[in-house]
Amino acid sequence: MIHEKIVIIGAGPCGLAAAIACKEKGYDPLVIEKENVVSAIYHYPTHQTFFSTAAKLEIGDVPFITVDRKPRRNEALAYYRDVVERKQLRIHTYETVKGVQKSADGTFELYTTTAKGEPKEYFATYVIMATGYYDHPNKLGCEGEHLPHVYHYFKEAHPFHHQDVVVIGGKNSAVDATLALEKAGANVTVLYRGGTYSSSIKPWILPEFEGLVRKNNVDMIFDAEVTRITKNKVYYEKNGEKADIDADFVFAMVGYHPDHSFLSAAGVTIDQETGRPHYDPETLETDISGLFIAGVLAAGNNANEIFIETGRYHGSRIVEAIKSAENVQQT
């Protein structure tokens, strides 16, 4: 059994920022990550440009220098790798946390498995969960969603040249995928259950998207509720009428949500309506003493409420709470 003062689960930007905040207060936290650092960013579309400026993605007072005002995916990957090296963070990559339990003496027991299948156990005084949400796509809940030509992530457009592609969704991920697919020569139809363009679409790409729709380069269908997917068609209803469209490939880009299974298993109360864990908004400590959350986990089902630019500050509040608790114990 390995003993640690602080264990952070998740090496995304918010988890790394929390680790840096802990180090600045004299702790040496262990970060456990099931893939490699900032794995969610790695899984973004290859040519993704961030919504935020580089300055709003910085952590640990390390400058993020980019060619353009808004960084691209590959620049962010290089930046966060550099931060890990500069700050000499302790990170166990490719190690998956299987469970977190609080023992009778108040410490936490963590059970993990390495990439080689080796089980490991840890004792920790404090646990910070910063697991993000990108691993868990929202589902359509329709027949055929799990067919092999249906994707919930978009990487690159090249394989879909001259293919009939249906994109389901009407927000940023759907619009970004559609723009790339159209440029690569795909025949794209977008099915969106909303009645008009989403207000969350990035303002600098909406005009380009609308232009493609006006020119009939992209077929945009509003008020469309997908009912079934087969190996070569997508079936939907619009205003009570049934319709279908040919589809060689389908991208169901309808958002993502955090996984609360660890929190629930550890005893944290989850609001069933909002998906929001019970926690102190000042300290980010859950209703299980010593267990904290950082990043988008705190937002529940509303993944658009917390971003890197806000979640990067959670670690400072958490470590202040830990420091205060330690001071109380010493008096």
Protein backbone atom coordinates (compact mmCIF):
# COMPACT_ATOMS: atom_id res chain seq x y z
CA MET A 1 0.00 0.00 0.00
CA ILE A 2 1.39 3.39 -1.06
CA HIS A 3 0.77 6.37 1.24
CA GLU A 4 0.18 9.85 -0.21
CA LYS A 5 -0.94 13.12 1.32
CA ILE A 6 -2.82 14.30 -1.81
CA VAL A 7 -3.88 12.29 -4.86
CA ILE A 8 -5.32 14.06 -7.91
CA ILE A 9 -7.31 11.96 -10.36
CA GLY A 10 -7.04 13.35 -13.88
CA ALA A 11 -4.18 15.15 -15.65
CA GLY A 12 -6.19 17.59 -17.70
CA PRO A 13 -5.45 21.33 -17.46
CA CYS A 14 -7.53 21.69 -14.27
CA GLY A 15 -5.91 18.66 -12.65
CA LEU A 16 -2.44 19.95 -13.56
CA ALA A 17 -3.32 23.41 -12.24
CA ALA A 18 -4.46 21.84 -8.97
CA ALA A 19 -1.18 19.91 -8.71
CA ILE A 20 0.80 23.11 -9.24
CA ALA A 21 -1.25 24.94 -6.59
CA CYS A 22 -0.54 22.12 -4.14
CA LYS A 23 3.20 22.23 -4.87
CA GLU A 24 3.27 25.98 -4.33
CA LYS A 25 1.93 25.37 -0.80
CA GLY A 26 4.60 22.81 0.00
CA TYR A 27 2.81 19.58 -0.92
CA ASP A 28 3.98 16.98 -3.42
CA PRO A 29 0.74 15.59 -4.88
CA LEU A 30 0.51 12.48 -7.01
CA VAL A 31 -1.53 12.79 -10.20
CA ILE A 32 -3.03 9.59 -11.63
CA GLU A 33 -4.14 9.67 -15.27
CA LYS A 34 -5.64 6.81 -17.28
CA GLU A 35 -4.09 8.00 -20.57
CA ASN A 36 -1.43 10.70 -20.91
CA VAL A 37 -1.46 14.34 -19.86
CA VAL A 38 -4.32 16.47 -21.28
CA SER A 39 -5.69 13.42 -23.09
CA ALA A 40 -9.00 15.15 -23.84
CA ILE A 41 -7.16 17.82 -25.84
CA TYR A 42 -5.28 15.08 -27.67
CA HIS A 43 -8.63 13.63 -28.78
CA TYR A 44 -9.85 16.98 -30.13
CA PRO A 45 -10.07 17.32 -33.93
CA THR A 46 -6.55 17.44 -35.34
CA HIS A 47 -6.81 21.06 -36.52
CA GLN A 48 -8.97 22.36 -33.67
CA THR A 49 -8.64 26.01 -32.69
CA PHE A 50 -9.56 26.90 -29.12
CA PHE A 51 -12.39 29.28 -28.30
CA SER A 52 -10.24 30.96 -25.64
CA THR A 53 -7.10 33.02 -26.08
CA ALA A 54 -3.76 31.53 -25.05
CA ALA A 55 -3.60 33.72 -21.94
CA LYS A 56 -6.83 32.20 -20.61
CA LEU A 57 -5.42 28.68 -20.92
CA GLU A 58 -2.22 29.36 -18.98
CA ILE A 59 -1.55 27.54 -15.71
CA GLY A 60 1.19 27.85 -13.12
CA ASP A 61 2.25 31.31 -14.35
CA VAL A 62 3.92 29.67 -17.36
CA PRO A 63 3.45 31.89 -20.45
CA PHE A 64 1.63 30.29 -23.38
CA ILE A 65 3.24 31.74 -26.50
CA THR A 66 1.38 31.07 -29.75
CA VAL A 67 1.52 32.15 -33.38
CA ASP A 68 -2.07 33.40 -33.37
CA ARG A 69 -4.22 34.88 -30.61
CA LYS A 70 -6.19 31.66 -30.23
CA PRO A 71 -4.05 28.53 -29.99
CA ARG A 72 -4.44 25.32 -31.92
CA ARG A 73 -4.63 21.83 -30.48
CA ASN A 74 -0.99 20.92 -31.22
CA GLU A 75 0.22 24.13 -29.54
CA ALA A 76 -1.81 23.34 -26.42
CA LEU A 77 -0.43 19.80 -26.25
CA ALA A 78 3.13 21.13 -26.42
CA TYR A 79 2.38 23.82 -23.85
CA TYR A 80 0.94 21.50 -21.20
CA ARG A 81 3.76 18.98 -21.70
CA ASP A 82 6.20 21.83 -21.10
CA VAL A 83 4.34 22.86 -17.93
CA VAL A 84 4.60 19.31 -16.56
CA GLU A 85 8.36 19.34 -17.14
CA ARG A 86 8.93 22.82 -15.74
CA LYS A 87 6.89 22.20 -12.61
CA GLN A 88 8.29 18.67 -12.16
CA LEU A 89 4.87 17.22 -11.46
CA ARG A 90 4.58 13.61 -10.30
CA ILE A 91 2.21 11.89 -12.71
CA HIS A 92 1.40 8.21 -13.12
CA THR A 93 0.15 7.95 -16.70
CA TYR A 94 -1.74 5.02 -18.19
CA GLU A 95 -2.99 4.04 -14.75
CA THR A 96 -6.76 3.78 -14.27
CA VAL A 97 -8.47 4.45 -10.95
CA LYS A 98 -11.02 1.71 -10.37
CA GLY A 99 -12.44 2.89 -7.08
CA VAL A 100 -12.18 5.38 -4.22
CA GLN A 101 -13.41 4.58 -0.72
CA LYS A 102 -13.10 6.37 2.59
CA SER A 103 -11.89 4.07 5.36
CA ALA A 104 -12.89 4.09 9.01
CA ASP A 105 -9.83 6.11 10.03
CA GLY A 106 -10.77 8.95 7.65
CA THR A 107 -8.20 8.25 4.94
CA PHE A 108 -9.05 7.29 1.39
CA GLU A 109 -8.27 3.99 -0.28
CA LEU A 110 -7.72 4.12 -4.03
CA TYR A 111 -7.56 1.07 -6.26
CA THR A 112 -5.92 1.34 -9.67
CA THR A 113 -4.77 -0.79 -12.57
CA THR A 114 -1.72 -0.03 -14.72
CA ALA A 115 -1.62 -0.38 -18.50
CA LYS A 116 -0.03 -3.81 -18.00
CA GLY A 117 -2.91 -4.95 -15.83
CA GLU A 118 -1.05 -4.68 -12.54
CA PRO A 119 -3.27 -3.74 -9.56
CA LYS A 120 -2.09 -1.02 -7.18
CA GLU A 121 -3.46 0.43 -3.95
CA TYR A 122 -2.97 3.83 -2.35
CA PHE A 123 -3.83 5.51 0.92
CA ALA A 124 -4.47 9.26 0.64
CA THR A 125 -5.39 11.90 3.19
CA TYR A 126 -7.03 14.05 0.51
CA VAL A 127 -8.37 13.27 -2.96
CA ILE A 128 -9.02 15.79 -5.73
CA MET A 129 -11.12 14.54 -8.63
CA ALA A 130 -10.52 16.38 -11.91
CA THR A 131 -11.69 13.81 -14.42
CA GLY A 132 -13.39 16.11 -16.96
CA TYR A 133 -16.21 15.06 -19.26
CA TYR A 134 -14.92 14.48 -22.81
CA ASP A 135 -14.73 10.70 -22.31
CA HIS A 136 -18.50 10.45 -22.00
CA PRO A 137 -20.51 11.56 -25.05
CA ASN A 138 -24.21 12.19 -24.73
CA LYS A 139 -26.28 9.55 -26.46
CA LEU A 140 -29.19 9.97 -28.86
CA GLY A 141 -31.07 7.06 -27.33
CA CYS A 142 -32.23 5.75 -30.70
CA GLU A 143 -31.95 2.41 -32.44
CA GLY A 144 -28.73 1.98 -34.44
CA GLU A 145 -26.68 4.51 -32.51
CA HIS A 146 -24.03 1.90 -31.76
CA LEU A 147 -23.47 0.84 -35.37
CA PRO A 148 -19.81 0.99 -36.47
CA HIS A 149 -20.29 3.90 -38.89
CA VAL A 150 -21.75 6.14 -36.16
CA TYR A 151 -19.23 8.33 -34.31
CA HIS A 152 -19.45 10.62 -31.29
CA TYR A 153 -16.04 12.20 -31.95
CA PHE A 154 -14.65 13.92 -35.02
CA LYS A 155 -10.93 13.77 -35.79
CA GLU A 156 -10.26 14.52 -39.46
CA ALA A 157 -12.35 14.96 -42.61
CA HIS A 158 -10.21 13.28 -45.26
CA PRO A 159 -11.71 9.73 -44.99
CA PHE A 160 -15.14 11.12 -45.83
CA HIS A 161 -14.34 12.61 -49.25
CA HIS A 162 -17.32 12.06 -51.61
CA GLN A 163 -19.28 10.27 -48.87
CA ASP A 164 -22.82 10.98 -47.70
CA VAL A 165 -22.38 12.20 -44.13
CA VAL A 166 -25.07 13.12 -41.63
CA VAL A 167 -24.07 15.33 -38.70
CA ILE A 168 -26.50 15.28 -35.78
CA GLY A 169 -26.38 18.35 -33.55
CA GLY A 170 -26.32 22.10 -33.94
CA LYS A 171 -23.69 23.52 -31.62
CA ASN A 172 -19.96 24.12 -31.93
CA SER A 173 -18.71 20.55 -32.30
CA ALA A 174 -21.32 19.82 -34.96
CA VAL A 175 -20.63 23.05 -36.86
CA ASP A 176 -16.84 22.58 -36.72
CA ALA A 177 -17.16 19.02 -38.03
CA THR A 178 -19.50 20.14 -40.80
CA LEU A 179 -17.16 22.88 -42.00
CA ALA A 180 -14.23 20.47 -42.18
CA LEU A 181 -16.27 17.75 -43.89
CA GLU A 182 -17.62 20.14 -46.53
CA LYS A 183 -14.12 21.40 -47.32
CA ALA A 184 -12.96 17.80 -47.78
CA GLY A 185 -15.68 17.17 -50.34
CA ALA A 186 -18.22 15.27 -48.26
CA ASN A 187 -21.94 15.57 -48.97
CA VAL A 188 -23.14 16.85 -45.60
CA THR A 189 -26.58 17.06 -44.07
CA VAL A 190 -27.03 18.48 -40.57
CA LEU A 191 -29.99 17.37 -38.45
CA TYR A 192 -30.67 19.61 -35.46
CA ARG A 193 -33.64 19.37 -33.13
CA GLY A 194 -33.53 23.11 -32.42
CA GLY A 195 -35.63 25.53 -34.40
CA THR A 196 -32.83 27.96 -35.21
CA TYR A 197 -29.07 28.33 -34.92
CA SER A 198 -27.76 27.87 -31.38
CA SER A 199 -26.64 31.05 -29.62
CA SER A 200 -23.56 29.17 -28.39
CA ILE A 201 -22.03 28.82 -31.87
CA LYS A 202 -18.76 30.72 -32.11
CA PRO A 203 -19.57 34.05 -33.80
CA TRP A 204 -16.54 33.94 -36.06
CA ILE A 205 -17.62 30.66 -37.73
CA LEU A 206 -21.40 31.08 -37.92
CA PRO A 207 -21.32 33.35 -41.02
CA GLU A 208 -19.23 30.79 -42.92
CA PHE A 209 -21.62 28.02 -41.93
CA GLU A 210 -24.70 30.05 -42.88
CA GLY A 211 -23.09 30.84 -46.21
CA LEU A 212 -22.65 27.15 -47.00
CA VAL A 213 -26.29 26.52 -46.15
CA ARG A 214 -27.50 29.40 -48.36
CA LYS A 215 -25.45 28.07 -51.27
CA ASN A 216 -26.83 24.55 -50.68
CA ASN A 217 -23.33 23.23 -50.07
CA VAL A 218 -24.66 21.97 -46.73
CA ASP A 219 -28.23 20.81 -46.15
CA MET A 220 -29.41 22.15 -42.77
CA ILE A 221 -32.60 20.65 -41.34
CA PHE A 222 -34.00 22.24 -38.16
CA ASP A 223 -36.61 20.72 -35.81
CA ALA A 224 -35.35 17.25 -36.74
CA GLU A 225 -35.64 14.49 -34.14
CA VAL A 226 -33.58 11.42 -35.07
CA THR A 227 -35.55 8.21 -34.48
CA ARG A 228 -33.45 5.44 -36.01
CA ILE A 229 -30.13 4.79 -37.74
CA THR A 230 -29.50 1.88 -40.12
CA LYS A 231 -26.40 0.86 -42.05
CA ASN A 232 -27.23 3.28 -44.88
CA LYS A 233 -29.91 5.70 -43.67
CA VAL A 234 -30.88 8.05 -40.86
CA TYR A 235 -34.58 8.30 -40.03
CA TYR A 236 -36.02 11.40 -38.37
CA GLU A 237 -39.23 13.28 -37.68
CA LYS A 238 -39.84 16.95 -38.44
CA ASN A 239 -43.07 18.64 -37.36
CA GLY A 240 -44.73 15.25 -37.00
CA GLU A 241 -43.73 14.03 -40.46
CA LYS A 242 -41.35 11.11 -40.95
CA ALA A 243 -38.40 11.33 -43.32
CA ASP A 244 -35.07 9.67 -44.02
CA ILE A 245 -31.75 10.49 -45.65
CA ASP A 246 -28.90 8.42 -47.07
CA ALA A 247 -25.86 8.18 -44.81
CA ASP A 248 -22.55 6.39 -45.35
CA PHE A 249 -21.32 7.84 -42.04
CA VAL A 250 -22.97 9.56 -39.10
CA PHE A 251 -21.50 11.97 -36.54
CA ALA A 252 -23.66 12.30 -33.43
CA MET A 253 -22.17 15.52 -32.06
CA VAL A 254 -24.64 16.19 -29.26
CA GLY A 255 -22.30 17.04 -26.41
CA TYR A 256 -20.62 15.32 -23.49
CA HIS A 257 -21.19 14.85 -19.77
CA PRO A 258 -19.05 14.11 -16.69
CA ASP A 259 -18.91 10.64 -15.15
CA HIS A 260 -20.06 10.74 -11.53
CA SER A 261 -19.65 7.02 -10.84
CA PHE A 262 -16.52 7.51 -8.72
CA LEU A 263 -18.15 10.26 -6.71
CA SER A 264 -21.33 8.27 -6.16
CA ALA A 265 -19.39 5.16 -5.17
CA ALA A 266 -17.41 7.24 -2.68
CA GLY A 267 -20.66 8.44 -1.10
CA VAL A 268 -20.93 11.92 -2.62
CA THR A 269 -24.51 13.08 -3.09
CA ILE A 270 -25.40 13.82 -6.73
CA ASP A 271 -28.39 15.98 -7.61
CA GLN A 272 -30.47 13.73 -9.85
CA GLU A 273 -31.94 16.64 -11.82
CA THR A 274 -28.81 18.67 -12.52
CA GLY A 275 -26.13 16.00 -12.13
CA ARG A 276 -24.28 18.42 -9.87
CA PRO A 277 -22.36 16.91 -6.93
CA HIS A 278 -22.97 18.42 -3.50
CA TYR A 279 -19.95 20.58 -2.65
CA ASP A 280 -18.95 23.77 -0.90
CA PRO A 281 -18.72 26.46 -3.62
CA GLU A 282 -15.91 28.22 -1.75
CA THR A 283 -13.64 25.24 -1.08
CA LEU A 284 -14.93 22.72 -3.66
CA GLU A 285 -15.02 20.07 -0.92
CA THR A 286 -17.83 17.56 -1.39
CA ASP A 287 -20.08 16.27 1.37
CA ILE A 288 -17.42 13.61 1.95
CA SER A 289 -14.77 15.34 4.06
CA GLY A 290 -11.39 15.46 2.32
CA LEU A 291 -12.76 14.70 -1.15
CA PHE A 292 -12.65 17.67 -3.53
CA ILE A 293 -13.65 18.26 -7.15
CA ALA A 294 -11.95 20.46 -9.73
CA GLY A 295 -12.92 21.52 -13.22
CA VAL A 296 -16.08 20.64 -15.10
CA LEU A 297 -17.17 17.97 -12.59
CA ALA A 298 -18.50 20.83 -10.48
CA ALA A 299 -20.89 21.87 -13.28
CA GLY A 300 -22.92 18.68 -13.32
CA ASN A 301 -24.70 18.10 -16.61
CA ASN A 302 -24.09 21.66 -17.81
CA ALA A 303 -20.65 21.15 -19.32
CA ASN A 304 -20.75 24.67 -20.80
CA GLU A 305 -20.67 26.26 -17.34
CA ILE A 306 -17.01 25.62 -16.49
CA PHE A 307 -14.08 25.80 -18.90
CA ILE A 308 -10.30 25.60 -18.59
CA GLU A 309 -10.16 29.37 -18.12
CA THR A 310 -12.29 29.14 -14.95
CA GLY A 311 -11.55 25.62 -13.70
CA ARG A 312 -7.81 26.33 -13.62
CA TYR A 313 -8.37 28.37 -10.44
CA HIS A 314 -10.12 25.60 -8.51
CA GLY A 315 -6.85 24.13 -7.28
CA SER A 316 -5.90 27.29 -5.39
CA ARG A 317 -9.17 27.26 -3.46
CA ILE A 318 -8.85 23.55 -2.73
CA VAL A 319 -5.31 23.74 -1.39
CA GLU A 320 -6.25 26.69 0.83
CA ALA A 321 -8.98 24.51 2.35
CA ILE A 322 -6.51 21.66 2.83
CA LYS A 323 -4.00 23.99 4.43
CA SER A 324 -6.66 25.35 6.79
CA ALA A 325 -7.72 21.83 7.76
CA GLU A 326 -4.10 20.89 8.44
CA ASN A 327 -3.62 23.99 10.62
CA VAL A 328 -6.73 23.13 12.65
CA GLN A 329 -5.46 19.60 13.22
CA GLN A 330 -2.15 20.95 14.50
CA THR A 331 -3.75 23.25 17.10
